[in-house]
Each structure stands twice: as C-alpha cells, then as structure tokens.
Amino acid sequence: MNIGQAAKATGLPPKTIRYYEDIDLVRPGRDANGYRAFCEADLHKLRFLGRTRALGFSVADCRALLALYEDDSRASAEVKAIAAKHLDAIAAKIADLKAMESTLSHLVATCAGDGRPDCPILEDLGG
C-alpha cells in the first residue's frame, strides 16, 4: 500500500506519515521502484500514533507508548505512569485556562465599551 492509501486508511495526512517515518516511529518497506510500501502492521502503528497525538501526547511519549505497546513483557505501571503524567499536565493547562477566563471575563465586564478613552482592559494589560 502506498502513502496515499495509507493516509486514507489511517486518516493521517501524508506529510504526517512522512514525518513519523523521518523520526523513526514507523519504518515502511520499499517497493522495487523505491516507493514506500505500508503493510497492515504499519497502518496499525499509524492509527495508534494518530490516537495518541489526538490525545495530546508528546512525540517522546508516543514513542515510549508505542514501544510499550509492542513489548509483550511490559508492565502496565509504565503505561499508567506516562498517561498519569500527561493527565496532570492537561489538568494544569485547564486550571491555567480557567484562570485566564476568569480574569478576562472580569475585565470585559468592567469595561464600559463606550466612546470614552478610559478602558480597564488596557489599564490591566499595561500593568
């Protein structure tokens, strides 16, 4: 299967698939003409990577999770540790976004939004 077919089968853009190949996350074979030849195992890896990236895992975490997925002697504790660390990072980002939302909501509510030049939003942004 060529890269276009692999892209269609996995829902990943060809550019992303090439990138994953460049950083050695997938290693498709080559046809006699030199074109990439993806097998079912490659497609499975690409789908796995697409899902992990969609969940926001870093490339390094994706590499670690893929290695653990392929290791039948893995300990699920290793997988859980990676996922828990990522979940903590997501929770921290959500807390930061909520704080930004609260601050900005307050500033928008206090701004008259009329023709006068005074603006609490700009005053706050100016420090």
N, C-alpha and C. Protein backbone atom coordinates (compact mmCIF):
# COMPACT_ATOMS: atom_id res chain seq x y z
N MET A 1 0.85 -1.16 0.00
CA MET A 1 0.00 0.00 0.00
C MET A 1 0.90 1.24 0.00
N ASN A 2 0.60 2.21 -0.86
CA ASN A 2 1.43 3.42 -0.94
C ASN A 2 1.02 4.43 0.12
N ILE A 3 1.71 5.54 0.17
CA ILE A 3 1.47 6.53 1.23
C ILE A 3 0.09 7.17 1.12
N GLY A 4 -0.40 7.39 -0.08
CA GLY A 4 -1.73 7.94 -0.25
C GLY A 4 -2.80 7.00 0.29
N GLN A 5 -2.64 5.73 0.00
CA GLN A 5 -3.59 4.73 0.51
C GLN A 5 -3.48 4.60 2.02
N ALA A 6 -2.25 4.66 2.54
CA ALA A 6 -2.04 4.60 3.99
C ALA A 6 -2.68 5.82 4.66
N ALA A 7 -2.54 6.97 4.04
CA ALA A 7 -3.14 8.18 4.59
C ALA A 7 -4.66 8.04 4.65
N LYS A 8 -5.24 7.54 3.58
CA LYS A 8 -6.69 7.37 3.54
C LYS A 8 -7.15 6.34 4.57
N ALA A 9 -6.39 5.27 4.73
CA ALA A 9 -6.76 4.21 5.67
C ALA A 9 -6.62 4.62 7.13
N THR A 10 -5.73 5.56 7.41
CA THR A 10 -5.46 5.94 8.80
C THR A 10 -6.04 7.30 9.18
N GLY A 11 -6.40 8.10 8.19
CA GLY A 11 -6.89 9.44 8.47
C GLY A 11 -5.79 10.44 8.77
N LEU A 12 -4.55 10.05 8.52
CA LEU A 12 -3.41 10.95 8.74
C LEU A 12 -2.96 11.54 7.41
N PRO A 13 -2.54 12.80 7.40
CA PRO A 13 -2.03 13.38 6.16
C PRO A 13 -0.70 12.72 5.76
N PRO A 14 -0.43 12.62 4.47
CA PRO A 14 0.85 12.05 4.04
C PRO A 14 2.06 12.76 4.66
N LYS A 15 1.95 14.07 4.84
CA LYS A 15 3.05 14.82 5.44
C LYS A 15 3.35 14.31 6.86
N THR A 16 2.31 14.02 7.62
CA THR A 16 2.48 13.50 8.97
C THR A 16 3.11 12.11 8.93
N ILE A 17 2.66 11.29 8.00
CA ILE A 17 3.22 9.94 7.86
C ILE A 17 4.70 10.02 7.51
N ARG A 18 5.06 10.93 6.60
CA ARG A 18 6.49 11.11 6.26
C ARG A 18 7.29 11.56 7.48
N TYR A 19 6.70 12.46 8.27
CA TYR A 19 7.36 12.93 9.48
C TYR A 19 7.59 11.76 10.45
N TYR A 20 6.57 10.94 10.66
CA TYR A 20 6.72 9.79 11.55
C TYR A 20 7.80 8.84 11.03
N GLU A 21 7.92 8.73 9.73
CA GLU A 21 8.99 7.91 9.17
C GLU A 21 10.35 8.58 9.40
N ASP A 22 10.43 9.90 9.19
CA ASP A 22 11.68 10.64 9.38
C ASP A 22 12.22 10.50 10.80
N ILE A 23 11.31 10.44 11.78
CA ILE A 23 11.76 10.35 13.17
C ILE A 23 11.72 8.90 13.68
N ASP A 24 11.62 7.97 12.75
CA ASP A 24 11.70 6.52 13.04
C ASP A 24 10.60 5.99 13.95
N LEU A 25 9.41 6.53 13.85
CA LEU A 25 8.28 5.94 14.56
C LEU A 25 7.66 4.81 13.75
N VAL A 26 7.72 4.94 12.44
CA VAL A 26 7.31 3.86 11.54
C VAL A 26 8.42 3.66 10.51
N ARG A 27 8.54 2.43 10.06
CA ARG A 27 9.57 2.11 9.08
C ARG A 27 8.96 1.24 7.97
N PRO A 28 8.24 1.88 7.06
CA PRO A 28 7.64 1.09 5.99
C PRO A 28 8.73 0.51 5.08
N GLY A 29 8.36 -0.58 4.44
CA GLY A 29 9.27 -1.15 3.46
C GLY A 29 9.27 -0.31 2.20
N ARG A 30 10.01 -0.76 1.23
CA ARG A 30 10.07 -0.06 -0.06
C ARG A 30 9.78 -1.05 -1.18
N ASP A 31 9.03 -0.57 -2.17
CA ASP A 31 8.78 -1.36 -3.38
C ASP A 31 10.04 -1.38 -4.23
N ALA A 32 10.02 -2.16 -5.28
CA ALA A 32 11.16 -2.23 -6.20
C ALA A 32 11.45 -0.87 -6.82
N ASN A 33 10.41 -0.06 -6.98
CA ASN A 33 10.59 1.28 -7.57
C ASN A 33 11.01 2.33 -6.53
N GLY A 34 11.17 1.92 -5.26
CA GLY A 34 11.62 2.83 -4.22
C GLY A 34 10.51 3.52 -3.45
N TYR A 35 9.27 3.30 -3.86
CA TYR A 35 8.15 3.92 -3.15
C TYR A 35 7.91 3.20 -1.81
N ARG A 36 7.39 3.97 -0.85
CA ARG A 36 7.05 3.38 0.44
C ARG A 36 5.98 2.32 0.22
N ALA A 37 6.10 1.24 0.98
CA ALA A 37 5.12 0.15 0.92
C ALA A 37 4.67 -0.15 2.35
N PHE A 38 3.47 0.30 2.68
CA PHE A 38 2.95 0.13 4.03
C PHE A 38 2.19 -1.18 4.14
N CYS A 39 2.47 -1.92 5.21
CA CYS A 39 1.75 -3.17 5.47
C CYS A 39 0.72 -2.91 6.58
N GLU A 40 -0.05 -3.91 6.90
CA GLU A 40 -1.10 -3.75 7.92
C GLU A 40 -0.51 -3.37 9.27
N ALA A 41 0.65 -3.91 9.62
CA ALA A 41 1.29 -3.55 10.90
C ALA A 41 1.66 -2.06 10.92
N ASP A 42 2.12 -1.54 9.78
CA ASP A 42 2.44 -0.11 9.69
C ASP A 42 1.18 0.73 9.89
N LEU A 43 0.09 0.31 9.28
CA LEU A 43 -1.18 1.04 9.42
C LEU A 43 -1.64 1.04 10.87
N HIS A 44 -1.46 -0.09 11.54
CA HIS A 44 -1.84 -0.18 12.94
C HIS A 44 -1.03 0.81 13.78
N LYS A 45 0.28 0.87 13.53
CA LYS A 45 1.14 1.82 14.23
C LYS A 45 0.71 3.26 13.95
N LEU A 46 0.40 3.54 12.71
CA LEU A 46 -0.02 4.90 12.34
C LEU A 46 -1.33 5.27 13.03
N ARG A 47 -2.27 4.34 13.08
CA ARG A 47 -3.53 4.62 13.79
C ARG A 47 -3.26 4.85 15.28
N PHE A 48 -2.39 4.03 15.85
CA PHE A 48 -2.01 4.17 17.25
C PHE A 48 -1.41 5.56 17.49
N LEU A 49 -0.49 5.95 16.62
CA LEU A 49 0.15 7.26 16.76
C LEU A 49 -0.85 8.40 16.57
N GLY A 50 -1.76 8.24 15.63
CA GLY A 50 -2.79 9.25 15.42
C GLY A 50 -3.65 9.43 16.66
N ARG A 51 -3.99 8.34 17.29
CA ARG A 51 -4.82 8.41 18.50
C ARG A 51 -4.06 9.04 19.66
N THR A 52 -2.80 8.63 19.84
CA THR A 52 -2.02 9.20 20.94
C THR A 52 -1.78 10.69 20.74
N ARG A 53 -1.51 11.09 19.50
CA ARG A 53 -1.31 12.52 19.23
C ARG A 53 -2.60 13.30 19.42
N ALA A 54 -3.74 12.69 19.04
CA ALA A 54 -5.03 13.34 19.22
C ALA A 54 -5.33 13.56 20.71
N LEU A 55 -4.78 12.71 21.55
CA LEU A 55 -4.94 12.87 23.00
C LEU A 55 -3.90 13.82 23.58
N GLY A 56 -3.05 14.36 22.71
CA GLY A 56 -2.10 15.38 23.13
C GLY A 56 -0.78 14.88 23.67
N PHE A 57 -0.50 13.59 23.54
CA PHE A 57 0.78 13.07 23.99
C PHE A 57 1.90 13.65 23.12
N SER A 58 3.04 13.91 23.74
CA SER A 58 4.20 14.40 23.01
C SER A 58 4.74 13.27 22.11
N VAL A 59 5.58 13.65 21.17
CA VAL A 59 6.20 12.65 20.31
C VAL A 59 7.02 11.68 21.16
N ALA A 60 7.72 12.19 22.15
CA ALA A 60 8.52 11.31 23.03
C ALA A 60 7.62 10.33 23.77
N ASP A 61 6.49 10.81 24.27
CA ASP A 61 5.55 9.91 24.94
C ASP A 61 4.96 8.90 23.96
N CYS A 62 4.67 9.35 22.75
CA CYS A 62 4.15 8.43 21.72
C CYS A 62 5.16 7.32 21.44
N ARG A 63 6.42 7.70 21.36
CA ARG A 63 7.48 6.72 21.11
C ARG A 63 7.53 5.70 22.25
N ALA A 64 7.46 6.21 23.49
CA ALA A 64 7.50 5.32 24.65
C ALA A 64 6.27 4.41 24.70
N LEU A 65 5.09 4.98 24.45
CA LEU A 65 3.86 4.19 24.47
C LEU A 65 3.85 3.14 23.36
N LEU A 66 4.35 3.51 22.20
CA LEU A 66 4.41 2.54 21.10
C LEU A 66 5.36 1.40 21.44
N ALA A 67 6.49 1.74 22.02
CA ALA A 67 7.44 0.69 22.43
C ALA A 67 6.82 -0.23 23.48
N LEU A 68 6.09 0.36 24.42
CA LEU A 68 5.43 -0.46 25.43
C LEU A 68 4.32 -1.31 24.82
N TYR A 69 3.60 -0.74 23.87
CA TYR A 69 2.53 -1.48 23.20
C TYR A 69 3.09 -2.72 22.49
N GLU A 70 4.25 -2.56 21.91
CA GLU A 70 4.85 -3.66 21.16
C GLU A 70 5.61 -4.65 22.05
N ASP A 71 5.78 -4.33 23.32
CA ASP A 71 6.52 -5.17 24.26
C ASP A 71 5.55 -6.02 25.06
N ASP A 72 5.49 -7.32 24.76
CA ASP A 72 4.56 -8.21 25.46
C ASP A 72 4.92 -8.39 26.93
N SER A 73 6.15 -8.06 27.31
CA SER A 73 6.56 -8.21 28.70
C SER A 73 6.46 -6.90 29.48
N ARG A 74 5.77 -5.92 28.90
CA ARG A 74 5.66 -4.61 29.54
C ARG A 74 4.91 -4.71 30.86
N ALA A 75 5.15 -3.74 31.70
CA ALA A 75 4.38 -3.59 32.93
C ALA A 75 3.39 -2.46 32.71
N SER A 76 2.14 -2.71 33.00
CA SER A 76 1.13 -1.68 32.77
C SER A 76 1.40 -0.45 33.63
N ALA A 77 2.17 -0.62 34.70
CA ALA A 77 2.52 0.53 35.55
C ALA A 77 3.29 1.58 34.76
N GLU A 78 4.11 1.14 33.82
CA GLU A 78 4.87 2.09 32.99
C GLU A 78 3.93 2.90 32.10
N VAL A 79 2.97 2.22 31.54
CA VAL A 79 1.99 2.89 30.68
C VAL A 79 1.17 3.88 31.50
N LYS A 80 0.73 3.42 32.65
CA LYS A 80 -0.09 4.28 33.52
C LYS A 80 0.69 5.51 33.96
N ALA A 81 1.97 5.35 34.25
CA ALA A 81 2.78 6.48 34.69
C ALA A 81 2.87 7.56 33.61
N ILE A 82 3.05 7.13 32.36
CA ILE A 82 3.11 8.09 31.25
C ILE A 82 1.76 8.80 31.10
N ALA A 83 0.68 8.02 31.14
CA ALA A 83 -0.66 8.60 30.98
C ALA A 83 -1.01 9.51 32.15
N ALA A 84 -0.64 9.13 33.36
CA ALA A 84 -0.94 9.95 34.54
C ALA A 84 -0.18 11.27 34.50
N LYS A 85 1.07 11.22 34.07
CA LYS A 85 1.86 12.45 33.94
C LYS A 85 1.22 13.39 32.92
N HIS A 86 0.77 12.83 31.82
CA HIS A 86 0.11 13.63 30.78
C HIS A 86 -1.21 14.19 31.30
N LEU A 87 -1.95 13.38 32.04
CA LEU A 87 -3.22 13.84 32.61
C LEU A 87 -2.99 15.00 33.58
N ASP A 88 -1.94 14.92 34.37
CA ASP A 88 -1.60 16.03 35.28
C ASP A 88 -1.29 17.31 34.50
N ALA A 89 -0.57 17.16 33.39
CA ALA A 89 -0.25 18.32 32.56
C ALA A 89 -1.51 18.93 31.96
N ILE A 90 -2.45 18.08 31.54
CA ILE A 90 -3.72 18.57 30.99
C ILE A 90 -4.50 19.32 32.08
N ALA A 91 -4.54 18.76 33.28
CA ALA A 91 -5.26 19.41 34.38
C ALA A 91 -4.65 20.77 34.69
N ALA A 92 -3.34 20.87 34.64
CA ALA A 92 -2.67 22.16 34.88
C ALA A 92 -3.03 23.17 33.79
N LYS A 93 -3.07 22.71 32.54
CA LYS A 93 -3.46 23.61 31.45
C LYS A 93 -4.89 24.08 31.61
N ILE A 94 -5.77 23.18 32.01
CA ILE A 94 -7.18 23.55 32.22
C ILE A 94 -7.28 24.59 33.33
N ALA A 95 -6.54 24.39 34.41
CA ALA A 95 -6.55 25.37 35.51
C ALA A 95 -6.05 26.73 35.03
N ASP A 96 -4.99 26.73 34.22
CA ASP A 96 -4.48 27.99 33.67
C ASP A 96 -5.52 28.66 32.78
N LEU A 97 -6.19 27.88 31.94
CA LEU A 97 -7.22 28.44 31.06
C LEU A 97 -8.40 29.00 31.86
N LYS A 98 -8.78 28.30 32.91
CA LYS A 98 -9.89 28.80 33.74
C LYS A 98 -9.51 30.11 34.42
N ALA A 99 -8.26 30.22 34.86
CA ALA A 99 -7.80 31.46 35.48
C ALA A 99 -7.80 32.59 34.46
N MET A 100 -7.35 32.31 33.22
CA MET A 100 -7.38 33.32 32.17
C MET A 100 -8.81 33.73 31.86
N GLU A 101 -9.70 32.75 31.79
CA GLU A 101 -11.10 33.04 31.50
C GLU A 101 -11.70 33.93 32.59
N SER A 102 -11.41 33.63 33.83
CA SER A 102 -11.94 34.42 34.94
C SER A 102 -11.44 35.86 34.88
N THR A 103 -10.15 36.02 34.67
CA THR A 103 -9.56 37.35 34.59
C THR A 103 -10.14 38.15 33.43
N LEU A 104 -10.17 37.53 32.27
CA LEU A 104 -10.67 38.23 31.09
C LEU A 104 -12.16 38.53 31.21
N SER A 105 -12.93 37.62 31.78
CA SER A 105 -14.37 37.87 31.99
C SER A 105 -14.58 39.07 32.88
N HIS A 106 -13.78 39.15 33.94
CA HIS A 106 -13.88 40.30 34.85
C HIS A 106 -13.53 41.60 34.11
N LEU A 107 -12.45 41.58 33.34
CA LEU A 107 -12.04 42.78 32.61
C LEU A 107 -13.10 43.22 31.60
N VAL A 108 -13.64 42.28 30.87
CA VAL A 108 -14.68 42.60 29.88
C VAL A 108 -15.91 43.17 30.57
N ALA A 109 -16.26 42.60 31.72
CA ALA A 109 -17.44 43.08 32.44
C ALA A 109 -17.25 44.49 32.99
N THR A 110 -16.01 44.85 33.33
CA THR A 110 -15.77 46.17 33.91
C THR A 110 -15.54 47.26 32.87
N CYS A 111 -15.37 46.88 31.63
CA CYS A 111 -15.15 47.87 30.57
C CYS A 111 -16.51 48.36 30.06
N ALA A 112 -16.67 49.68 30.03
CA ALA A 112 -17.93 50.25 29.57
C ALA A 112 -18.16 50.00 28.08
N GLY A 113 -17.08 49.92 27.33
CA GLY A 113 -17.21 49.67 25.89
C GLY A 113 -17.93 50.80 25.18
N ASP A 114 -17.74 52.02 25.64
CA ASP A 114 -18.40 53.16 25.01
C ASP A 114 -17.37 54.02 24.28
N GLY A 115 -17.69 55.26 24.03
CA GLY A 115 -16.83 56.14 23.28
C GLY A 115 -15.73 56.81 24.09
N ARG A 116 -15.73 56.59 25.39
CA ARG A 116 -14.71 57.21 26.24
C ARG A 116 -13.37 56.48 26.07
N PRO A 117 -12.26 57.17 26.27
CA PRO A 117 -10.95 56.55 26.07
C PRO A 117 -10.49 55.66 27.22
N ASP A 118 -11.05 55.85 28.43
CA ASP A 118 -10.58 55.02 29.55
C ASP A 118 -11.10 53.59 29.38
N CYS A 119 -10.20 52.64 29.65
CA CYS A 119 -10.54 51.24 29.44
C CYS A 119 -9.81 50.38 30.48
N PRO A 120 -10.55 49.72 31.37
CA PRO A 120 -9.89 48.88 32.38
C PRO A 120 -9.12 47.70 31.78
N ILE A 121 -9.51 47.27 30.60
CA ILE A 121 -8.79 46.16 29.97
C ILE A 121 -7.37 46.61 29.64
N LEU A 122 -7.27 47.78 28.96
CA LEU A 122 -5.95 48.28 28.60
C LEU A 122 -5.14 48.65 29.82
N GLU A 123 -5.81 49.19 30.84
CA GLU A 123 -5.09 49.54 32.08
C GLU A 123 -4.49 48.28 32.71
N ASP A 124 -5.25 47.22 32.76
CA ASP A 124 -4.74 45.98 33.33
C ASP A 124 -3.61 45.39 32.49
N LEU A 125 -3.77 45.39 31.16
CA LEU A 125 -2.74 44.86 30.29
C LEU A 125 -1.46 45.67 30.37
N GLY A 126 -1.62 46.97 30.64
CA GLY A 126 -0.45 47.85 30.76
C GLY A 126 0.26 47.72 32.10
N GLY A 127 -0.31 46.96 33.01
CA GLY A 127 0.36 46.69 34.26
C GLY A 127 0.01 47.65 35.32
